[in-house]
Each structure stands twice: as structure tokens, then as C-alpha cells.
Amino acid sequence: MCYLYDWRMILLQGGADLATGLAYIAIALTVLYIYRAGGLRTLTAAYPSLWRLGAVFVGLCGISHILAMIEIFSPVYWLSGAERLAMAGVSVAFARVLWRRKDELSLVGQILGESTRQLRNEKYRSNPLPPERLPK
């Protein structure tokens, strides 16, 4: 055990890593759910590797935090090292895919932004609230 056997420090570090790790894993599972459910059919069909790599990347980040919490109590350095190596490979692949698709993705972002603005304008036109009471 490290952190000079200070239980407050152990709880702080371990608790933060556990919470962060679980949140990352929940985010990864949600991204995979959206991808599989086809909630954004155009984007998931056009960029399947982006969705999959992104989910795996975020999931591995979560596992890294959970292993860091476990390492407080048990020396699982080889397992942690193997996980970090896997995360490095997925990170490089994800960065490559993002870089290759950056122009397309920024165009998609602009189109989605414009569509969202148009939908909000239509919604607000039919809303009986005065403009000062509408959400921004």
C-alpha cells in the first residue's frame, strides 16, 4: 500500500479513480448503444470505425482508472502495462481516423449546427412565450 498509509489520501485517490473509471465505461457503453441502435443512422453508417474506436478508447481509459485504483492495494503492474499498451494502440488508431476524417467531420458539425438552429427557430415561432422567457 502506498500514500504513506494515509486513509484519507487512499480514499481520495481510489475513490476519484473508481468514479472516473466507471463514468468512462458508462460513456463507452452509451456510445456503443447509440451506434448499435442506429440512433444517428447517417453518422453511424458513414463513420463506423470512428464510433467503434471512440467507444473502445473511452472504455480503455476507464479501465486504466480502475486499474490505478486497484494498484493502490495490489501490484498488478503487468496487467496495467498491458492495458496501457492496448490503450496506446487504440489511441493512435483513433487519432489517425479522426485526422483523416477531420474535414468531413467539421462539415457534418456545421450541417448539424445549422439544422439545430433551424429546428429551434421553428419551435420558438410556435411557442406562446414572450422572447425574453425563451431558453437561450
C-alpha atoms as a PDB file:
ATOM      1  CA  MET A   1       0.000   0.000   0.000  1.00  0.00           C
ATOM      2  CA  CYS A   2       1.269   3.462  -0.764  1.00  0.00           C
ATOM      3  CA  TYR A   3       0.275   7.046   0.036  1.00  0.00           C
ATOM      4  CA  LEU A   4       2.034   6.619   3.412  1.00  0.00           C
ATOM      5  CA  TYR A   5      -0.949   4.642   4.769  1.00  0.00           C
ATOM      6  CA  ASP A   6      -3.000   7.832   4.908  1.00  0.00           C
ATOM      7  CA  TRP A   7      -6.565   6.517   4.525  1.00  0.00           C
ATOM      8  CA  ARG A   8      -7.901   9.939   3.553  1.00  0.00           C
ATOM      9  CA  MET A   9      -5.442  10.079   0.654  1.00  0.00           C
ATOM     10  CA  ILE A  10      -6.200   6.468  -0.294  1.00  0.00           C
ATOM     11  CA  LEU A  11      -9.942   7.194  -0.313  1.00  0.00           C
ATOM     12  CA  LEU A  12      -9.416  10.394  -2.268  1.00  0.00           C
ATOM     13  CA  GLN A  13      -7.214   8.824  -4.950  1.00  0.00           C
ATOM     14  CA  GLY A  14      -9.010   5.480  -5.096  1.00  0.00           C
ATOM     15  CA  GLY A  15     -12.480   6.997  -4.989  1.00  0.00           C
ATOM     16  CA  ALA A  16     -11.665   9.502  -7.719  1.00  0.00           C
ATOM     17  CA  ASP A  17     -10.168   6.791  -9.951  1.00  0.00           C
ATOM     18  CA  LEU A  18     -13.113   4.464  -9.350  1.00  0.00           C
ATOM     19  CA  ALA A  19     -15.720   7.164 -10.087  1.00  0.00           C
ATOM     20  CA  THR A  20     -13.849   8.347 -13.185  1.00  0.00           C
ATOM     21  CA  GLY A  21     -13.339   4.791 -14.426  1.00  0.00           C
ATOM     22  CA  LEU A  22     -16.994   3.868 -14.010  1.00  0.00           C
ATOM     23  CA  ALA A  23     -18.074   7.086 -15.754  1.00  0.00           C
ATOM     24  CA  TYR A  24     -15.761   6.374 -18.705  1.00  0.00           C
ATOM     25  CA  ILE A  25     -17.117   2.847 -19.014  1.00  0.00           C
ATOM     26  CA  ALA A  26     -20.712   4.147 -18.868  1.00  0.00           C
ATOM     27  CA  ILE A  27     -19.895   6.659 -21.622  1.00  0.00           C
ATOM     28  CA  ALA A  28     -18.327   3.929 -23.776  1.00  0.00           C
ATOM     29  CA  LEU A  29     -21.342   1.644 -23.326  1.00  0.00           C
ATOM     30  CA  THR A  30     -23.696   4.523 -24.193  1.00  0.00           C
ATOM     31  CA  VAL A  31     -21.746   5.299 -27.379  1.00  0.00           C
ATOM     32  CA  LEU A  32     -21.889   1.613 -28.362  1.00  0.00           C
ATOM     33  CA  TYR A  33     -25.620   1.540 -27.603  1.00  0.00           C
ATOM     34  CA  ILE A  34     -26.256   4.593 -29.809  1.00  0.00           C
ATOM     35  CA  TYR A  35     -24.115   3.048 -32.544  1.00  0.00           C
ATOM     36  CA  ARG A  36     -25.889  -0.324 -32.426  1.00  0.00           C
ATOM     37  CA  ALA A  37     -29.374   1.179 -32.095  1.00  0.00           C
ATOM     38  CA  GLY A  38     -28.721   3.356 -35.115  1.00  0.00           C
ATOM     39  CA  GLY A  39     -29.955   6.440 -33.287  1.00  0.00           C
ATOM     40  CA  LEU A  40     -27.842   8.553 -35.610  1.00  0.00           C
ATOM     41  CA  ARG A  41     -28.081   6.326 -38.678  1.00  0.00           C
ATOM     42  CA  THR A  42     -26.330   8.667 -41.095  1.00  0.00           C
ATOM     43  CA  LEU A  43     -23.356   9.245 -38.812  1.00  0.00           C
ATOM     44  CA  THR A  44     -23.052   5.650 -37.631  1.00  0.00           C
ATOM     45  CA  ALA A  45     -23.246   4.328 -41.189  1.00  0.00           C
ATOM     46  CA  ALA A  46     -20.801   6.893 -42.556  1.00  0.00           C
ATOM     47  CA  TYR A  47     -18.227   6.554 -39.764  1.00  0.00           C
ATOM     48  CA  PRO A  48     -18.469   3.079 -38.187  1.00  0.00           C
ATOM     49  CA  SER A  49     -14.764   2.817 -37.330  1.00  0.00           C
ATOM     50  CA  LEU A  50     -14.882   6.215 -35.666  1.00  0.00           C
ATOM     51  CA  TRP A  51     -17.725   5.168 -33.364  1.00  0.00           C
ATOM     52  CA  ARG A  52     -16.188   1.793 -32.507  1.00  0.00           C
ATOM     53  CA  LEU A  53     -12.680   3.136 -31.919  1.00  0.00           C
ATOM     54  CA  GLY A  54     -14.047   6.017 -29.868  1.00  0.00           C
ATOM     55  CA  ALA A  55     -16.020   3.671 -27.622  1.00  0.00           C
ATOM     56  CA  VAL A  56     -13.068   1.314 -27.165  1.00  0.00           C
ATOM     57  CA  PHE A  57     -10.743   4.251 -26.449  1.00  0.00           C
ATOM     58  CA  VAL A  58     -13.037   5.695 -23.780  1.00  0.00           C
ATOM     59  CA  GLY A  59     -13.627   2.230 -22.296  1.00  0.00           C
ATOM     60  CA  LEU A  60      -9.888   1.581 -22.043  1.00  0.00           C
ATOM     61  CA  CYS A  61      -9.443   4.967 -20.357  1.00  0.00           C
ATOM     62  CA  GLY A  62     -11.988   3.833 -17.779  1.00  0.00           C
ATOM     63  CA  ILE A  63     -10.243   0.508 -17.240  1.00  0.00           C
ATOM     64  CA  SER A  64      -6.976   2.409 -16.760  1.00  0.00           C
ATOM     65  CA  HIS A  65      -8.504   4.408 -13.903  1.00  0.00           C
ATOM     66  CA  ILE A  66      -9.943   1.289 -12.288  1.00  0.00           C
ATOM     67  CA  LEU A  67      -6.560  -0.463 -12.511  1.00  0.00           C
ATOM     68  CA  ALA A  68      -4.921   2.602 -10.941  1.00  0.00           C
ATOM     69  CA  MET A  69      -7.338   2.236  -8.026  1.00  0.00           C
ATOM     70  CA  ILE A  70      -6.557  -1.484  -7.718  1.00  0.00           C
ATOM     71  CA  GLU A  71      -2.809  -0.742  -7.791  1.00  0.00           C
ATOM     72  CA  ILE A  72      -3.172   1.130  -4.512  1.00  0.00           C
ATOM     73  CA  PHE A  73      -3.759  -2.237  -2.832  1.00  0.00           C
ATOM     74  CA  SER A  74      -2.248  -4.804  -5.193  1.00  0.00           C
ATOM     75  CA  PRO A  75       0.744  -4.670  -7.569  1.00  0.00           C
ATOM     76  CA  VAL A  76      -0.959  -5.513 -10.879  1.00  0.00           C
ATOM     77  CA  TYR A  77       1.721  -3.716 -12.872  1.00  0.00           C
ATOM     78  CA  TRP A  78       1.921  -6.215 -15.761  1.00  0.00           C
ATOM     79  CA  LEU A  79      -1.842  -6.128 -16.256  1.00  0.00           C
ATOM     80  CA  SER A  80      -1.822  -2.347 -16.040  1.00  0.00           C
ATOM     81  CA  GLY A  81       1.060  -2.167 -18.509  1.00  0.00           C
ATOM     82  CA  ALA A  82      -0.724  -4.456 -20.978  1.00  0.00           C
ATOM     83  CA  GLU A  83      -3.874  -2.341 -20.701  1.00  0.00           C
ATOM     84  CA  ARG A  84      -1.899   0.850 -21.289  1.00  0.00           C
ATOM     85  CA  LEU A  85      -0.227  -0.699 -24.333  1.00  0.00           C
ATOM     86  CA  ALA A  86      -3.672  -1.616 -25.721  1.00  0.00           C
ATOM     87  CA  MET A  87      -4.879   1.911 -24.950  1.00  0.00           C
ATOM     88  CA  ALA A  88      -1.855   3.362 -26.760  1.00  0.00           C
ATOM     89  CA  GLY A  89      -2.623   1.301 -29.878  1.00  0.00           C
ATOM     90  CA  VAL A  90      -6.294   2.246 -29.892  1.00  0.00           C
ATOM     91  CA  SER A  91      -5.427   5.899 -29.193  1.00  0.00           C
ATOM     92  CA  VAL A  92      -3.086   6.051 -32.182  1.00  0.00           C
ATOM     93  CA  ALA A  93      -5.666   4.354 -34.427  1.00  0.00           C
ATOM     94  CA  PHE A  94      -8.436   6.670 -33.186  1.00  0.00           C
ATOM     95  CA  ALA A  95      -6.246   9.751 -33.725  1.00  0.00           C
ATOM     96  CA  ARG A  96      -5.445   8.579 -37.276  1.00  0.00           C
ATOM     97  CA  VAL A  97      -9.118   8.052 -38.141  1.00  0.00           C
ATOM     98  CA  LEU A  98     -10.076  11.439 -36.672  1.00  0.00           C
ATOM     99  CA  TRP A  99      -7.272  13.194 -38.541  1.00  0.00           C
ATOM    100  CA  ARG A 100      -8.146  11.545 -41.863  1.00  0.00           C
ATOM    101  CA  ARG A 101     -11.829  12.482 -41.457  1.00  0.00           C
ATOM    102  CA  LYS A 102     -11.354  15.938 -39.890  1.00  0.00           C
ATOM    103  CA  ASP A 103     -12.652  17.902 -42.904  1.00  0.00           C
ATOM    104  CA  GLU A 104     -15.712  15.682 -43.334  1.00  0.00           C
ATOM    105  CA  LEU A 105     -16.452  15.753 -39.611  1.00  0.00           C
ATOM    106  CA  SER A 106     -16.189  19.510 -39.413  1.00  0.00           C
ATOM    107  CA  LEU A 107     -18.604  19.813 -42.323  1.00  0.00           C
ATOM    108  CA  VAL A 108     -21.001  17.395 -40.584  1.00  0.00           C
ATOM    109  CA  GLY A 109     -20.714  19.539 -37.423  1.00  0.00           C
ATOM    110  CA  GLN A 110     -21.585  22.681 -39.375  1.00  0.00           C
ATOM    111  CA  ILE A 111     -24.577  20.999 -41.020  1.00  0.00           C
ATOM    112  CA  LEU A 112     -25.844  19.637 -37.689  1.00  0.00           C
ATOM    113  CA  GLY A 113     -25.389  23.057 -36.068  1.00  0.00           C
ATOM    114  CA  GLU A 114     -27.376  24.774 -38.807  1.00  0.00           C
ATOM    115  CA  SER A 115     -30.123  22.113 -38.625  1.00  0.00           C
ATOM    116  CA  THR A 116     -30.345  22.535 -34.864  1.00  0.00           C
ATOM    117  CA  ARG A 117     -30.665  26.325 -35.204  1.00  0.00           C
ATOM    118  CA  GLN A 118     -33.448  25.921 -37.773  1.00  0.00           C
ATOM    119  CA  LEU A 119     -35.339  23.469 -35.557  1.00  0.00           C
ATOM    120  CA  ARG A 120     -35.061  25.807 -32.570  1.00  0.00           C
ATOM    121  CA  ASN A 121     -36.302  28.742 -34.630  1.00  0.00           C
ATOM    122  CA  GLU A 122     -39.333  26.739 -35.786  1.00  0.00           C
ATOM    123  CA  LYS A 123     -40.039  25.599 -32.227  1.00  0.00           C
ATOM    124  CA  TYR A 124     -39.799  29.154 -30.844  1.00  0.00           C
ATOM    125  CA  ARG A 125     -42.073  30.564 -33.551  1.00  0.00           C
ATOM    126  CA  SER A 126     -44.863  28.269 -32.397  1.00  0.00           C
ATOM    127  CA  ASN A 127     -44.148  28.913 -28.694  1.00  0.00           C
ATOM    128  CA  PRO A 128     -46.584  31.339 -26.992  1.00  0.00           C
ATOM    129  CA  LEU A 129     -43.939  32.549 -24.505  1.00  0.00           C
ATOM    130  CA  PRO A 130     -42.517  36.044 -24.974  1.00  0.00           C
ATOM    131  CA  PRO A 131     -38.940  36.083 -26.363  1.00  0.00           C
ATOM    132  CA  GLU A 132     -37.380  37.161 -23.052  1.00  0.00           C
ATOM    133  CA  ARG A 133     -38.706  33.979 -21.361  1.00  0.00           C
ATOM    134  CA  LEU A 134     -37.403  31.575 -24.023  1.00  0.00           C
ATOM    135  CA  PRO A 135     -34.314  29.479 -23.216  1.00  0.00           C
ATOM    136  CA  LYS A 136     -31.133  30.681 -24.864  1.00  0.00           C
END
